[in-house]
Amino acid sequence: MLCGSQAITPYEPTKAEKIADIKKYYDSRFETLEQMVLRRRLINGDITDLQEQYKKLNQEMLAKVKAVK
């Protein structure tokens, strides 16, 4: 029960929590890429496209982390 004019403010995650959520999201994507690299290397396949995907994904993650306020 609320008393007087107290308002309930919605929970706002901290900067560290926001960054941790971003990293958690990208960790699974990086893990998938790592598995693909391993499989291609086992068959002596080309991994150039996977390296590019990794670089783009890393840049995307870093941009999102830097944008956290």
N, C-alpha and C. Protein backbone atom coordinates (compact mmCIF):
# COMPACT_ATOMS: atom_id res chain seq x y z
N MET A 1 0.84 -1.17 0.00
CA MET A 1 0.00 0.00 0.00
C MET A 1 0.89 1.24 0.00
N LEU A 2 0.54 2.22 -0.83
CA LEU A 2 1.31 3.45 -0.93
C LEU A 2 0.80 4.47 0.06
N CYS A 3 1.72 5.20 0.62
CA CYS A 3 1.35 6.27 1.53
C CYS A 3 1.60 7.61 0.86
N GLY A 4 0.64 8.51 0.92
CA GLY A 4 0.84 9.85 0.40
C GLY A 4 1.07 9.87 -1.09
N SER A 5 2.09 10.64 -1.51
CA SER A 5 2.34 10.82 -2.95
C SER A 5 3.56 10.04 -3.43
N GLN A 6 3.90 8.96 -2.74
CA GLN A 6 5.03 8.15 -3.18
C GLN A 6 4.66 7.40 -4.45
N ALA A 7 5.55 7.45 -5.40
CA ALA A 7 5.33 6.74 -6.65
C ALA A 7 6.35 5.62 -6.77
N ILE A 8 5.93 4.55 -7.38
CA ILE A 8 6.84 3.43 -7.59
C ILE A 8 7.60 3.70 -8.88
N THR A 9 8.92 3.74 -8.76
CA THR A 9 9.74 3.95 -9.95
C THR A 9 10.14 2.60 -10.52
N PRO A 10 10.08 2.46 -11.82
CA PRO A 10 10.46 1.17 -12.43
C PRO A 10 11.95 0.90 -12.21
N TYR A 11 12.29 -0.37 -12.13
CA TYR A 11 13.69 -0.77 -11.94
C TYR A 11 14.50 -0.41 -13.18
N GLU A 12 15.60 0.25 -12.97
CA GLU A 12 16.51 0.62 -14.06
C GLU A 12 17.83 -0.11 -13.81
N PRO A 13 18.22 -1.01 -14.73
CA PRO A 13 19.49 -1.73 -14.53
C PRO A 13 20.68 -0.78 -14.50
N THR A 14 21.70 -1.17 -13.76
CA THR A 14 22.91 -0.36 -13.69
C THR A 14 23.67 -0.47 -15.01
N LYS A 15 24.65 0.39 -15.17
CA LYS A 15 25.47 0.36 -16.39
C LYS A 15 26.18 -1.00 -16.51
N ALA A 16 26.69 -1.49 -15.39
CA ALA A 16 27.39 -2.78 -15.40
C ALA A 16 26.44 -3.91 -15.79
N GLU A 17 25.20 -3.86 -15.31
CA GLU A 17 24.22 -4.90 -15.65
C GLU A 17 23.86 -4.84 -17.13
N LYS A 18 23.72 -3.63 -17.66
CA LYS A 18 23.40 -3.48 -19.08
C LYS A 18 24.52 -4.05 -19.95
N ILE A 19 25.76 -3.74 -19.58
CA ILE A 19 26.92 -4.24 -20.33
C ILE A 19 27.01 -5.76 -20.23
N ALA A 20 26.75 -6.30 -19.05
CA ALA A 20 26.78 -7.75 -18.86
C ALA A 20 25.73 -8.43 -19.75
N ASP A 21 24.55 -7.82 -19.87
CA ASP A 21 23.50 -8.37 -20.72
C ASP A 21 23.92 -8.37 -22.19
N ILE A 22 24.55 -7.28 -22.62
CA ILE A 22 25.03 -7.18 -24.00
C ILE A 22 26.06 -8.27 -24.27
N LYS A 23 27.02 -8.42 -23.35
CA LYS A 23 28.07 -9.43 -23.53
C LYS A 23 27.50 -10.84 -23.52
N LYS A 24 26.51 -11.08 -22.67
CA LYS A 24 25.87 -12.40 -22.61
C LYS A 24 25.21 -12.73 -23.95
N TYR A 25 24.53 -11.76 -24.52
CA TYR A 25 23.88 -11.95 -25.82
C TYR A 25 24.91 -12.30 -26.90
N TYR A 26 26.01 -11.55 -26.93
CA TYR A 26 27.02 -11.77 -27.97
C TYR A 26 27.86 -13.02 -27.72
N ASP A 27 28.01 -13.43 -26.47
CA ASP A 27 28.80 -14.64 -26.18
C ASP A 27 28.26 -15.85 -26.92
N SER A 28 26.95 -16.00 -26.96
CA SER A 28 26.38 -17.16 -27.65
C SER A 28 26.62 -17.08 -29.15
N ARG A 29 26.61 -15.87 -29.68
CA ARG A 29 26.87 -15.71 -31.12
C ARG A 29 28.34 -15.98 -31.43
N PHE A 30 29.24 -15.53 -30.56
CA PHE A 30 30.67 -15.82 -30.75
C PHE A 30 30.93 -17.32 -30.63
N GLU A 31 30.26 -17.96 -29.71
CA GLU A 31 30.43 -19.40 -29.53
C GLU A 31 30.04 -20.17 -30.79
N THR A 32 28.96 -19.75 -31.41
CA THR A 32 28.52 -20.38 -32.66
C THR A 32 29.59 -20.23 -33.75
N LEU A 33 30.13 -19.02 -33.87
CA LEU A 33 31.18 -18.79 -34.86
C LEU A 33 32.41 -19.65 -34.57
N GLU A 34 32.77 -19.76 -33.30
CA GLU A 34 33.94 -20.56 -32.93
C GLU A 34 33.74 -22.03 -33.31
N GLN A 35 32.54 -22.54 -33.11
CA GLN A 35 32.23 -23.92 -33.49
C GLN A 35 32.35 -24.10 -35.01
N MET A 36 31.86 -23.11 -35.76
CA MET A 36 31.94 -23.18 -37.21
C MET A 36 33.38 -23.16 -37.69
N VAL A 37 34.21 -22.33 -37.05
CA VAL A 37 35.63 -22.26 -37.41
C VAL A 37 36.29 -23.61 -37.16
N LEU A 38 36.01 -24.19 -36.01
CA LEU A 38 36.60 -25.49 -35.67
C LEU A 38 36.22 -26.55 -36.70
N ARG A 39 34.97 -26.59 -37.05
CA ARG A 39 34.50 -27.60 -38.03
C ARG A 39 35.15 -27.39 -39.39
N ARG A 40 35.24 -26.15 -39.81
CA ARG A 40 35.87 -25.90 -41.12
C ARG A 40 37.35 -26.24 -41.09
N ARG A 41 38.00 -25.96 -39.98
CA ARG A 41 39.43 -26.28 -39.90
C ARG A 41 39.65 -27.79 -39.91
N LEU A 42 38.72 -28.52 -39.33
CA LEU A 42 38.84 -29.98 -39.33
C LEU A 42 38.80 -30.55 -40.74
N ILE A 43 38.12 -29.87 -41.64
CA ILE A 43 38.06 -30.35 -43.03
C ILE A 43 38.96 -29.51 -43.94
N ASN A 44 39.86 -28.74 -43.33
CA ASN A 44 40.78 -27.86 -44.06
C ASN A 44 40.03 -26.87 -44.95
N GLY A 45 38.89 -26.38 -44.48
CA GLY A 45 38.10 -25.42 -45.24
C GLY A 45 38.54 -23.99 -45.00
N ASP A 46 38.11 -23.11 -45.88
CA ASP A 46 38.42 -21.68 -45.78
C ASP A 46 37.56 -21.04 -44.68
N ILE A 47 38.19 -20.23 -43.84
CA ILE A 47 37.46 -19.58 -42.76
C ILE A 47 37.44 -18.05 -42.89
N THR A 48 37.83 -17.54 -44.05
CA THR A 48 37.92 -16.09 -44.24
C THR A 48 36.59 -15.40 -43.96
N ASP A 49 35.49 -15.97 -44.46
CA ASP A 49 34.18 -15.35 -44.24
C ASP A 49 33.81 -15.35 -42.76
N LEU A 50 34.21 -16.39 -42.04
CA LEU A 50 33.92 -16.45 -40.61
C LEU A 50 34.75 -15.43 -39.83
N GLN A 51 35.97 -15.21 -40.27
CA GLN A 51 36.81 -14.19 -39.64
C GLN A 51 36.19 -12.80 -39.82
N GLU A 52 35.66 -12.53 -40.99
CA GLU A 52 35.00 -11.25 -41.25
C GLU A 52 33.75 -11.10 -40.38
N GLN A 53 32.97 -12.18 -40.28
CA GLN A 53 31.78 -12.14 -39.43
C GLN A 53 32.15 -11.86 -37.98
N TYR A 54 33.24 -12.47 -37.53
CA TYR A 54 33.70 -12.28 -36.16
C TYR A 54 34.08 -10.82 -35.92
N LYS A 55 34.81 -10.24 -36.87
CA LYS A 55 35.23 -8.84 -36.74
C LYS A 55 34.02 -7.91 -36.69
N LYS A 56 33.04 -8.14 -37.58
CA LYS A 56 31.84 -7.31 -37.61
C LYS A 56 31.04 -7.45 -36.32
N LEU A 57 30.91 -8.68 -35.86
CA LEU A 57 30.16 -8.93 -34.63
C LEU A 57 30.84 -8.26 -33.44
N ASN A 58 32.15 -8.33 -33.39
CA ASN A 58 32.90 -7.69 -32.30
C ASN A 58 32.73 -6.17 -32.34
N GLN A 59 32.80 -5.58 -33.53
CA GLN A 59 32.61 -4.14 -33.66
C GLN A 59 31.20 -3.73 -33.23
N GLU A 60 30.22 -4.53 -33.61
CA GLU A 60 28.83 -4.27 -33.24
C GLU A 60 28.66 -4.30 -31.72
N MET A 61 29.25 -5.32 -31.08
CA MET A 61 29.17 -5.44 -29.63
C MET A 61 29.84 -4.26 -28.95
N LEU A 62 31.02 -3.90 -29.40
CA LEU A 62 31.74 -2.78 -28.78
C LEU A 62 30.96 -1.48 -28.92
N ALA A 63 30.33 -1.26 -30.05
CA ALA A 63 29.52 -0.05 -30.26
C ALA A 63 28.35 -0.01 -29.27
N LYS A 64 27.71 -1.16 -29.06
CA LYS A 64 26.58 -1.21 -28.13
C LYS A 64 27.05 -0.99 -26.69
N VAL A 65 28.21 -1.55 -26.33
CA VAL A 65 28.75 -1.36 -24.98
C VAL A 65 29.10 0.12 -24.76
N LYS A 66 29.72 0.74 -25.76
CA LYS A 66 30.08 2.16 -25.63
C LYS A 66 28.87 3.07 -25.54
N ALA A 67 27.74 2.65 -26.10
CA ALA A 67 26.52 3.46 -26.11
C ALA A 67 25.75 3.37 -24.78
N VAL A 68 26.15 2.46 -23.91
CA VAL A 68 25.44 2.29 -22.62
C VAL A 68 25.71 3.52 -21.75
N LYS A 69 24.61 4.01 -21.16
CA LYS A 69 24.75 5.19 -20.28
C LYS A 69 24.36 4.84 -18.87
